[in-house]
């Protein structure tokens, strides 16, 4: 039995988006939306009947706003808009993100301020429900006037042109629609503009990144706890009383996680009365750094969940007053700044992780562990070069963290003279996230190797359960082997539902 979800323009959040995508939900328009959608559409149709001149309905676009289009050319105008704006370049967007774009655009149109027919929204959802996913180049949007280029590539498929992913292969849209006996839609007045004037490209990437980031911050807490235990660090700095008096929500949560995870560790108990006064910052300040990342993720989550339930086209139709008003809701600044912030936060999560990996490998800093966690260093290099990889990715993330939202290049003959570059913020953030997954995987590999060198002492039961999952996938490194395969196995592991379900269990 297919799972179903009815969108109404206001009822999406990150958890629902994740469920929809992961469980192949079928999406439909809520009956509650029909009245307002039809009322908004009637405003457009009345304008055409009365031969009133209104931007976006019977005019050109952008700098060509004063060009009047006759009623007989309205349909051609809509198609030409999609064709001329399909100028994206670069690598294709991930299928999951492209599918999210269909969902988010349909949801925005459901709010009933765009002047489109219900038929158009249903056509978008027909593509979604049949897993006919538009092929969308990842570059070409400046993040104002909407994500014009990428959304145009999405719209190309809806009108039967361009290319689509179907059953994980790329086909011409016309070929797939013919096979499935699905008719493309013929766009009517305002509908082309309504399809492409929005922030759904950058917002879809933001949704995808945040879904992963919310898990990675928990995973990072657990990995760092394994590292700290392997390095014979102390959990005393994570006592709740110390963090309440600073009172940052994320810091308190990460500190609580670490304190809980490290209780009952035989390793920790073995050095309880040692003369080490304090741990290095990369260990002692985990809650402060991870906590700040948590708070940044929460802030961005709030912004993105507002955005995916917002009206972001232009012009906007106010059906209760029969007004059609040009405004700037298409401007991507909220997402641009949020994704720049999230990129910085995720970069820091990787930055401190790499420092912990280095401590595990460095015989001058790792509290008695063998150099580079190798039984026979010299003939074996152990994990020496894995740290190089982590350092390389951290450095790359520092470059990617430069904010795109502070840049603006005017477009459309200076009519659009300030743009957000939010699509670049979002794409950079996605790349940072991918690098972070590898950085954390390297730390997890090293920390579990270090735990092995502490035997017969064991870490806590909670952390031991994560160690066991790692060892189900990657064996102890007794002598040098091809390590990139291990890194990829751990990266796949931390992305698995099995791994995160265990993370949630031990953090309860």
Protein backbone atom coordinates (compact mmCIF):
# COMPACT_ATOMS: atom_id res chain seq x y z
CA UNK A 1 0.00 0.00 0.00
CA UNK A 2 1.41 3.38 -1.03
CA UNK A 3 1.92 5.99 1.66
CA UNK A 4 0.24 9.31 0.89
CA UNK A 5 0.69 12.89 2.00
CA UNK A 6 -1.51 15.88 1.17
CA UNK A 7 0.28 19.20 0.83
CA UNK A 8 -1.49 22.47 1.60
CA UNK A 9 1.30 25.03 1.28
CA UNK A 10 1.97 25.17 5.02
CA UNK A 11 2.52 21.66 6.33
CA UNK A 12 6.04 20.66 5.32
CA UNK A 13 9.01 20.40 7.66
CA UNK A 14 12.35 18.60 7.56
CA UNK A 15 11.06 15.41 9.17
CA UNK A 16 8.13 15.18 6.77
CA UNK A 17 10.36 15.86 3.76
CA UNK A 18 12.71 13.09 4.89
CA UNK A 19 9.83 10.65 5.33
CA UNK A 20 8.39 11.52 1.94
CA UNK A 21 11.67 11.05 0.11
CA UNK A 22 12.89 7.97 1.98
CA UNK A 23 9.58 6.11 1.85
CA UNK A 24 8.48 7.05 -1.67
CA UNK A 25 5.28 8.76 -0.58
CA UNK A 26 2.67 9.73 -3.15
CA UNK A 27 1.85 13.45 -2.87
CA UNK A 28 -1.50 15.09 -3.56
CA UNK A 29 -3.02 18.56 -3.17
CA UNK A 30 -5.19 18.94 -0.09
CA UNK A 31 -8.85 19.61 -0.88
CA UNK A 32 -8.61 22.65 1.40
CA UNK A 33 -6.45 24.37 -1.23
CA UNK A 34 -8.79 24.12 -4.20
CA UNK A 35 -10.90 27.15 -3.37
CA UNK A 36 -8.05 29.62 -2.91
CA UNK A 37 -6.12 28.25 -5.93
CA UNK A 38 -9.18 28.68 -8.16
CA UNK A 39 -9.88 32.13 -6.73
CA UNK A 40 -6.32 33.23 -7.50
CA UNK A 41 -6.55 31.79 -11.01
CA UNK A 42 -9.76 33.71 -11.67
CA UNK A 43 -7.91 36.98 -11.01
CA UNK A 44 -5.53 36.14 -13.87
CA UNK A 45 -8.32 35.13 -16.22
CA UNK A 46 -10.28 38.31 -15.45
CA UNK A 47 -7.24 40.45 -16.26
CA UNK A 48 -6.97 38.81 -19.68
CA UNK A 49 -10.71 39.22 -20.35
CA UNK A 50 -10.57 42.89 -19.43
CA UNK A 51 -7.37 43.48 -21.44
CA UNK A 52 -5.65 45.06 -18.45
CA UNK A 53 -1.87 45.26 -18.61
CA UNK A 54 -0.25 43.52 -15.63
CA UNK A 55 3.39 42.55 -15.24
CA UNK A 56 4.05 38.83 -15.52
CA UNK A 57 0.68 38.10 -17.09
CA UNK A 58 0.74 39.93 -20.40
CA UNK A 59 4.11 41.68 -20.40
CA UNK A 60 7.74 40.73 -20.94
CA UNK A 61 9.96 39.96 -17.98
CA UNK A 62 12.72 41.74 -16.08
CA UNK A 63 14.09 44.63 -18.13
CA UNK A 64 11.44 43.81 -20.77
CA UNK A 65 8.66 44.56 -18.30
CA UNK A 66 7.20 47.31 -20.49
CA UNK A 67 6.78 45.08 -23.55
CA UNK A 68 3.06 44.35 -23.97
CA UNK A 69 2.10 40.83 -25.10
CA UNK A 70 -1.20 40.22 -26.93
CA UNK A 71 -3.58 37.56 -25.62
CA UNK A 72 -2.99 35.35 -28.66
CA UNK A 73 0.72 35.13 -27.79
CA UNK A 74 0.34 34.46 -24.06
CA UNK A 75 0.86 30.69 -24.28
CA UNK A 76 3.88 31.15 -26.54
CA UNK A 77 5.26 33.68 -24.05
CA UNK A 78 5.11 31.12 -21.26
CA UNK A 79 6.89 28.44 -23.27
CA UNK A 80 9.52 30.88 -24.52
CA UNK A 81 10.16 31.96 -20.95
CA UNK A 82 11.02 28.38 -19.97
CA UNK A 83 13.14 27.76 -23.07
CA UNK A 84 15.11 31.01 -22.82
CA UNK A 85 15.74 30.64 -19.09
CA UNK A 86 17.01 27.04 -19.32
CA UNK A 87 20.65 28.09 -19.31
CA UNK A 88 22.03 25.98 -16.45
CA UNK A 89 25.49 24.46 -16.69
CA UNK A 90 27.71 22.16 -14.67
CA UNK A 91 27.15 18.84 -12.94
CA UNK A 92 23.61 17.58 -12.61
CA UNK A 93 21.88 17.99 -9.28
CA UNK A 94 21.48 14.87 -7.15
CA UNK A 95 18.21 13.06 -7.98
CA UNK A 96 16.96 13.37 -4.40
CA UNK A 97 17.43 17.15 -4.42
CA UNK A 98 15.74 17.46 -7.83
CA UNK A 99 12.80 15.46 -6.49
CA UNK A 100 12.62 17.76 -3.47
CA UNK A 101 12.39 20.70 -5.90
CA UNK A 102 9.21 19.25 -7.39
CA UNK A 103 7.74 18.80 -3.93
CA UNK A 104 8.66 22.26 -2.67
CA UNK A 105 7.48 24.08 -5.80
CA UNK A 106 4.14 22.28 -5.75
CA UNK A 107 3.75 23.11 -2.07
CA UNK A 108 4.39 26.82 -2.66
CA UNK A 109 1.84 26.94 -5.50
CA UNK A 110 -0.74 25.31 -3.21
CA UNK A 111 -0.88 28.44 -1.08
CA UNK A 112 -2.96 30.09 -3.79
CA UNK A 113 -1.08 33.32 -4.44
CA UNK A 114 0.45 32.39 -7.79
CA UNK A 115 -2.51 32.41 -10.18
CA UNK A 116 -1.93 28.94 -11.60
CA UNK A 117 -4.42 26.20 -12.40
CA UNK A 118 -4.76 23.18 -10.13
CA UNK A 119 -3.94 21.17 -13.27
CA UNK A 120 -0.39 22.55 -13.23
CA UNK A 121 0.21 21.58 -9.60
CA UNK A 122 -1.20 18.12 -10.26
CA UNK A 123 1.10 17.75 -13.26
CA UNK A 124 4.15 18.54 -11.10
CA UNK A 125 2.98 15.91 -8.62
CA UNK A 126 2.35 13.40 -11.42
CA UNK A 127 6.04 13.64 -12.24
CA UNK A 128 6.91 13.33 -8.54
CA UNK A 129 4.64 10.33 -7.96
CA UNK A 130 5.95 8.49 -11.01
CA UNK A 131 9.58 9.24 -10.12
CA UNK A 132 10.13 11.13 -13.35
CA UNK A 133 12.74 13.53 -12.05
CA UNK A 134 13.96 16.50 -14.13
CA UNK A 135 17.67 16.63 -14.95
CA UNK A 136 18.81 19.95 -13.49
CA UNK A 137 22.28 21.47 -13.98
CA UNK A 138 23.64 22.75 -10.68
CA UNK A 139 25.03 26.12 -11.79
CA UNK A 140 23.40 29.23 -13.22
CA UNK A 141 21.26 30.81 -10.50
CA UNK A 142 22.14 34.12 -8.82
CA UNK A 143 19.45 33.55 -6.21
CA UNK A 144 17.10 36.45 -6.94
CA UNK A 145 14.17 36.69 -9.32
CA UNK A 146 14.01 33.17 -8.01
CA UNK A 147 16.28 30.30 -8.96
CA UNK A 148 15.39 31.04 -12.57
CA UNK A 149 17.76 28.74 -14.47
CA UNK A 150 17.46 25.55 -12.38
CA UNK A 151 13.70 25.93 -11.98
CA UNK A 152 13.42 26.41 -15.74
CA UNK A 153 15.12 23.06 -16.25
CA UNK A 154 12.55 21.59 -13.86
CA UNK A 155 9.78 23.28 -15.84
CA UNK A 156 11.19 21.98 -19.13
CA UNK A 157 10.27 18.47 -18.08
CA UNK A 158 6.75 19.51 -17.06
CA UNK A 159 6.12 20.81 -20.60
CA UNK A 160 7.60 17.65 -22.13
CA UNK A 161 11.04 18.95 -23.05
CA UNK A 162 14.57 18.57 -21.71
CA UNK A 163 15.75 15.44 -19.93
CA UNK A 164 14.69 13.43 -16.90
CA UNK A 165 15.99 10.72 -14.62
CA UNK A 166 13.79 7.63 -14.81
CA UNK A 167 14.75 4.38 -13.11
CA UNK A 168 18.18 5.91 -12.43
CA UNK A 169 18.90 6.52 -16.11
CA UNK A 170 18.72 9.71 -18.16
CA UNK A 171 16.18 9.94 -20.97
CA UNK A 172 14.63 12.66 -23.07
CA UNK A 173 11.44 13.66 -21.30
CA UNK A 174 9.31 13.07 -24.38
CA UNK A 175 10.49 9.46 -24.54
CA UNK A 176 9.51 8.68 -20.93
CA UNK A 177 6.14 10.45 -21.13
CA UNK A 178 5.26 8.57 -24.32
CA UNK A 179 6.15 5.26 -22.68
CA UNK A 180 4.03 6.00 -19.61
CA UNK A 181 1.22 7.62 -21.65
CA UNK A 182 1.52 10.87 -19.71
CA UNK A 183 0.68 14.14 -21.45
CA UNK A 184 2.91 17.18 -20.87
CA UNK A 185 1.09 20.33 -19.86
CA UNK A 186 0.52 23.39 -22.03
CA UNK A 187 1.28 26.44 -19.93
CA UNK A 188 -1.24 29.24 -19.75
CA UNK A 189 -0.95 32.85 -18.60
CA UNK A 190 1.30 33.45 -15.57
CA UNK A 191 2.15 29.75 -15.20
CA UNK A 192 5.63 29.77 -16.70
CA UNK A 193 6.66 32.61 -14.43
CA UNK A 194 5.03 30.91 -11.43
CA UNK A 195 7.08 27.78 -12.06
CA UNK A 196 10.47 29.50 -12.10
CA UNK A 197 10.12 32.47 -9.76
CA UNK A 198 11.00 30.91 -6.42
CA UNK A 199 13.78 29.74 -4.13
CA UNK A 200 13.13 26.01 -4.42
CA UNK A 201 16.56 25.14 -5.87
CA UNK A 202 18.51 26.59 -2.96
CA UNK A 203 15.82 25.53 -0.48
CA UNK A 204 15.88 21.91 -1.67
CA UNK A 205 19.63 21.76 -1.20
CA UNK A 206 19.18 23.36 2.21
CA UNK A 207 16.59 20.73 3.21
CA UNK A 208 18.89 17.93 2.06
CA UNK A 209 21.91 19.34 3.91
CA UNK A 210 20.00 20.03 7.13
CA UNK A 211 18.48 16.54 7.25
CA UNK A 212 22.03 15.18 7.21
CA UNK A 213 23.51 17.87 9.45
CA UNK A 214 21.02 17.16 12.23
CA UNK A 215 22.31 13.59 12.31
CA UNK A 216 25.98 14.42 11.87
CA UNK A 217 26.07 16.64 14.94
CA UNK A 218 24.89 13.72 17.10
CA UNK A 219 27.34 11.40 15.34
CA UNK A 220 30.15 13.89 15.95
CA UNK A 221 29.37 13.95 19.68
CA UNK A 222 29.64 10.16 19.83
CA UNK A 223 32.83 9.96 17.74
CA UNK A 224 34.48 12.65 19.84
CA UNK A 225 33.58 10.74 23.01
CA UNK A 226 35.32 7.62 21.66
CA UNK A 227 38.36 9.71 20.80
CA UNK A 228 38.47 11.35 24.22
CA UNK A 229 38.25 8.00 25.96
CA UNK A 230 40.96 6.51 23.75
CA UNK A 231 43.21 9.48 24.60
CA UNK A 232 42.52 9.03 28.34
CA UNK A 233 40.76 12.35 28.57
CA UNK A 234 38.40 13.28 31.38
CA UNK A 235 34.63 13.79 31.36
CA UNK A 236 34.73 16.11 34.39
CA UNK A 237 34.68 19.18 32.13
CA UNK A 238 31.29 18.05 30.83
CA UNK A 239 29.41 18.22 34.12
CA UNK A 240 26.02 19.82 33.64
CA UNK A 241 26.60 22.47 36.30
CA UNK A 242 29.46 23.97 34.27
CA UNK A 243 27.40 24.42 31.13
CA UNK A 244 24.15 25.67 32.65
CA UNK A 245 25.98 28.74 33.93
CA UNK A 246 26.84 29.65 30.33
CA UNK A 247 23.40 28.46 29.21
CA UNK A 248 23.76 27.96 25.47
CA UNK A 249 21.24 25.29 24.52
CA UNK A 250 23.49 23.42 22.08
CA UNK A 251 26.45 23.44 24.45
CA UNK A 252 24.36 21.98 27.26
CA UNK A 253 23.06 19.23 24.99
CA UNK A 254 26.49 18.22 23.69
CA UNK A 255 27.97 18.30 27.19
CA UNK A 256 25.16 16.08 28.49
CA UNK A 257 25.74 13.67 25.61
CA UNK A 258 29.46 13.41 26.28
CA UNK A 259 29.10 13.02 30.03
CA UNK A 260 26.52 10.27 29.60
CA UNK A 261 28.51 8.43 26.92
CA UNK A 262 31.69 8.28 28.99
CA UNK A 263 30.22 6.94 32.22
CA UNK A 264 31.30 3.43 33.25
CA UNK A 265 34.28 3.34 30.93
CA UNK A 266 37.02 1.06 32.23
CA UNK A 267 39.55 3.19 30.38
CA UNK A 268 38.34 6.34 32.13
CA UNK A 269 38.33 4.61 35.52
CA UNK A 270 41.93 3.42 35.02
CA UNK A 271 43.31 6.98 35.08
CA UNK A 272 40.85 8.58 37.47
CA UNK A 273 43.53 9.79 39.86
CA UNK A 274 46.23 10.67 37.33
CA UNK A 275 48.18 13.94 37.55
CA UNK A 276 46.97 15.33 34.21
CA UNK A 277 45.50 18.75 35.02
CA UNK A 278 43.47 19.44 31.90
CA UNK A 279 42.85 18.22 28.37
CA UNK A 280 43.66 20.04 25.14
CA UNK A 281 41.00 22.33 23.71
CA UNK A 282 39.99 19.88 20.97
CA UNK A 283 38.84 17.58 23.81
CA UNK A 284 37.92 19.91 26.67
CA UNK A 285 36.02 22.34 24.45
CA UNK A 286 33.99 19.80 22.48
CA UNK A 287 30.67 20.98 23.99
CA UNK A 288 31.46 24.62 23.30
CA UNK A 289 32.33 23.98 19.63
CA UNK A 290 29.79 21.25 18.89
CA UNK A 291 27.19 23.21 20.82
CA UNK A 292 27.70 26.32 18.72
CA UNK A 293 27.30 24.14 15.63
CA UNK A 294 24.07 22.71 17.10
CA UNK A 295 22.68 26.18 17.68
CA UNK A 296 23.59 27.23 14.14
CA UNK A 297 21.88 24.15 12.71
CA UNK A 298 18.75 24.91 14.75
CA UNK A 299 18.72 28.51 13.52
CA UNK A 300 19.05 27.42 9.90
CA UNK A 301 16.40 24.74 10.36
CA UNK A 302 13.94 27.39 11.53
CA UNK A 303 14.67 29.65 8.54
CA UNK A 304 14.42 26.82 6.01
CA UNK A 305 11.17 25.44 7.44
CA UNK A 306 9.64 28.89 7.11
CA UNK A 307 10.93 29.20 3.54
CA UNK A 308 9.58 25.87 2.28
CA UNK A 309 6.08 26.92 3.35
CA UNK A 310 6.31 30.40 1.84
CA UNK A 311 5.14 32.19 -1.28
CA UNK A 312 8.25 33.15 -3.22
CA UNK A 313 7.04 34.16 -6.68
CA UNK A 314 6.46 37.43 -8.44
CA UNK A 315 4.09 39.03 -9.08
CA UNK A 316 1.96 37.85 -6.18
CA UNK A 317 -1.80 37.66 -6.51
CA UNK A 318 -3.94 38.70 -3.55
CA UNK A 319 -7.26 37.10 -4.52
CA UNK A 320 -9.31 38.71 -1.74
CA UNK A 321 -8.58 42.19 -3.12
CA UNK A 322 -8.00 41.26 -6.79
CA UNK A 323 -4.52 42.80 -6.61
CA UNK A 324 -1.46 41.69 -8.54
CA UNK A 325 1.61 43.17 -6.90
CA UNK A 326 5.29 42.98 -7.81
CA UNK A 327 7.39 42.46 -4.72
CA UNK A 328 10.66 40.77 -3.78
CA UNK A 329 9.66 37.48 -2.14
CA UNK A 330 11.76 35.64 -4.72
CA UNK A 331 14.94 37.11 -3.23
CA UNK A 332 16.99 34.31 -1.67
CA UNK A 333 18.72 36.30 1.07
CA UNK A 334 17.24 34.31 4.02
CA UNK A 335 18.51 31.03 2.57
CA UNK A 336 21.78 32.58 1.33
CA UNK A 337 22.80 33.85 4.76
CA UNK A 338 21.59 30.66 6.48
CA UNK A 339 23.55 28.40 4.15
CA UNK A 340 26.67 30.50 4.56
CA UNK A 341 26.28 30.22 8.33
CA UNK A 342 25.65 26.48 8.13
CA UNK A 343 28.70 26.03 5.92
CA UNK A 344 30.86 27.83 8.49
CA UNK A 345 29.39 25.73 11.32
CA UNK A 346 29.93 22.42 9.52
CA UNK A 347 33.46 23.47 8.60
CA UNK A 348 34.21 24.00 12.30
CA UNK A 349 32.82 20.56 13.12
CA UNK A 350 35.33 19.13 10.65
CA UNK A 351 38.11 21.41 11.87
CA UNK A 352 37.98 20.20 15.47
CA UNK A 353 37.50 16.59 14.34
CA UNK A 354 40.74 16.67 12.34
CA UNK A 355 42.59 18.07 15.36
CA UNK A 356 41.38 15.12 17.45
CA UNK A 357 42.48 12.69 14.73
CA UNK A 358 45.92 14.26 14.75
CA UNK A 359 46.19 13.84 18.52
CA UNK A 360 45.30 10.15 18.21
CA UNK A 361 48.13 9.62 15.72
CA UNK A 362 50.84 11.86 17.19
CA UNK A 363 53.05 9.91 19.64
CA UNK A 364 53.94 13.16 21.40
CA UNK A 365 50.27 13.86 22.19
CA UNK A 366 48.37 10.55 22.26
CA UNK A 367 49.06 9.48 25.85
CA UNK A 368 51.04 6.31 25.22
CA UNK A 369 49.46 5.04 22.02
CA UNK A 370 51.81 3.83 19.27
CA UNK A 371 52.84 6.28 16.56
CA UNK A 372 50.16 6.58 13.89
CA UNK A 373 48.28 3.76 15.64
CA UNK A 374 50.47 1.13 14.02
CA UNK A 375 51.86 -2.02 15.67
CA UNK A 376 55.13 -1.69 13.79
CA UNK A 377 55.63 1.91 12.78
CA UNK A 378 58.45 2.38 10.33
CA UNK A 379 57.71 -0.60 8.16
CA UNK A 380 54.05 0.41 8.55
CA UNK A 381 52.71 3.95 8.22
CA UNK A 382 49.40 3.16 9.91
CA UNK A 383 46.91 6.02 9.67
CA UNK A 384 49.55 8.69 9.04
CA UNK A 385 48.30 9.68 5.61
CA UNK A 386 44.62 9.40 6.52
CA UNK A 387 45.24 12.51 8.61
CA UNK A 388 46.65 14.21 5.51
CA UNK A 389 43.34 13.55 3.77
CA UNK A 390 41.41 14.98 6.70
CA UNK A 391 43.69 18.04 6.72
CA UNK A 392 43.16 18.51 2.98
CA UNK A 393 39.38 18.36 3.34
CA UNK A 394 39.42 20.74 6.29
CA UNK A 395 41.49 23.22 4.29
CA UNK A 396 39.11 22.92 1.35
CA UNK A 397 36.18 23.57 3.66
CA UNK A 398 37.85 26.73 4.95
CA UNK A 399 37.96 28.06 1.39
CA UNK A 400 34.36 26.97 0.73
CA UNK A 401 33.25 28.75 3.92
CA UNK A 402 33.82 32.18 2.40
CA UNK A 403 30.27 33.60 2.29
CA UNK A 404 28.60 33.90 -1.10
CA UNK A 405 25.79 36.04 0.30
CA UNK A 406 28.06 39.08 0.60
CA UNK A 407 28.52 39.13 -3.17
CA UNK A 408 26.15 40.56 -5.77
CA UNK A 409 26.44 40.98 -9.55
CA UNK A 410 23.60 42.95 -11.15
CA UNK A 411 21.55 41.21 -13.85
CA UNK A 412 18.80 42.00 -16.38
CA UNK A 413 20.28 45.32 -17.51
CA UNK A 414 20.58 46.43 -13.85
CA UNK A 415 16.85 45.97 -13.17
CA UNK A 416 17.88 43.22 -10.79
CA UNK A 417 20.72 45.14 -9.20
CA UNK A 418 21.13 43.20 -5.95
CA UNK A 419 21.02 39.42 -5.89
CA UNK A 420 21.57 36.89 -3.08
CA UNK A 421 23.85 34.26 -4.64
CA UNK A 422 21.94 31.86 -2.40
CA UNK A 423 22.30 28.99 -4.85
CA UNK A 424 26.08 29.26 -4.46
CA UNK A 425 25.77 29.38 -0.66
CA UNK A 426 23.67 26.22 -0.77
CA UNK A 427 25.94 24.34 -3.19
CA UNK A 428 29.04 25.26 -1.17
CA UNK A 429 27.36 24.07 1.99
CA UNK A 430 26.53 20.76 0.33
CA UNK A 431 30.18 20.28 -0.64
CA UNK A 432 31.29 21.13 2.90
CA UNK A 433 28.87 18.54 4.25
CA UNK A 434 30.25 15.86 1.93
CA UNK A 435 33.80 16.65 3.05
CA UNK A 436 32.71 16.56 6.69
CA UNK A 437 31.37 13.03 6.29
CA UNK A 438 34.85 11.87 5.29
CA UNK A 439 36.59 13.87 8.04
CA UNK A 440 34.37 12.29 10.72
CA UNK A 441 34.83 8.85 9.15
CA UNK A 442 38.60 9.20 9.46
CA UNK A 443 38.32 10.20 13.12
CA UNK A 444 36.02 7.24 13.81
CA UNK A 445 38.46 4.84 12.14
CA UNK A 446 41.36 6.21 14.18
CA UNK A 447 39.47 6.33 17.47
CA UNK A 448 38.34 2.69 17.20
CA UNK A 449 41.90 1.64 16.33
CA UNK A 450 43.07 3.49 19.45
CA UNK A 451 40.42 1.76 21.59
CA UNK A 452 41.90 -1.56 20.49
CA UNK A 453 45.27 -0.49 21.85
CA UNK A 454 43.71 0.15 25.27
CA UNK A 455 42.66 -3.50 25.66
CA UNK A 456 42.02 -5.34 27.91
CA UNK A 457 40.37 -2.16 29.21
CA UNK A 458 37.05 -1.37 27.58
CA UNK A 459 35.25 1.84 26.80
CA UNK A 460 31.69 2.42 28.07
CA UNK A 461 28.90 0.06 26.99
CA UNK A 462 27.29 2.83 24.95
CA UNK A 463 30.46 3.58 23.03
CA UNK A 464 31.33 -0.09 22.74
CA UNK A 465 28.14 -0.60 20.72
CA UNK A 466 29.39 1.92 18.15
CA UNK A 467 32.84 0.36 18.16
CA UNK A 468 31.19 -3.00 17.42
CA UNK A 469 29.38 -1.58 14.38
CA UNK A 470 32.67 -0.21 13.07
CA UNK A 471 34.38 -3.57 13.53
CA UNK A 472 31.55 -5.31 11.66
CA UNK A 473 32.62 -3.26 8.64
CA UNK A 474 36.36 -2.66 9.07
CA UNK A 475 38.92 -4.85 10.83
CA UNK A 476 41.72 -3.69 13.12
CA UNK A 477 44.66 -2.39 11.09
CA UNK A 478 47.38 -4.87 12.03
CA UNK A 479 49.58 -3.96 9.05
CA UNK A 480 49.33 -1.48 6.19
CA UNK A 481 46.57 -2.01 3.65
CA UNK A 482 44.55 0.10 1.20
CA UNK A 483 42.92 2.53 3.64
CA UNK A 484 40.66 4.48 1.28
CA UNK A 485 38.42 1.43 1.13
CA UNK A 486 38.10 1.51 4.92
CA UNK A 487 37.30 5.22 4.84
CA UNK A 488 34.55 4.66 2.27
CA UNK A 489 33.09 1.77 4.28
CA UNK A 490 32.89 3.93 7.40
CA UNK A 491 31.44 6.84 5.44
CA UNK A 492 28.70 4.53 4.15
CA UNK A 493 28.19 3.22 7.68
CA UNK A 494 27.66 6.64 9.25
CA UNK A 495 25.12 7.40 6.52
CA UNK A 496 23.16 4.22 7.25
CA UNK A 497 19.91 4.10 9.21
CA UNK A 498 21.30 1.20 11.27
CA UNK A 499 24.16 3.36 12.53
CA UNK A 500 22.06 6.42 13.31
CA UNK A 501 19.40 4.33 15.05
CA UNK A 502 22.12 3.08 17.39
CA UNK A 503 23.36 6.64 17.90
CA UNK A 504 19.86 7.72 18.93
CA UNK A 505 19.57 4.74 21.25
CA UNK A 506 22.76 5.48 23.19
CA UNK A 507 21.97 9.21 23.42
CA UNK A 508 18.59 8.65 25.06
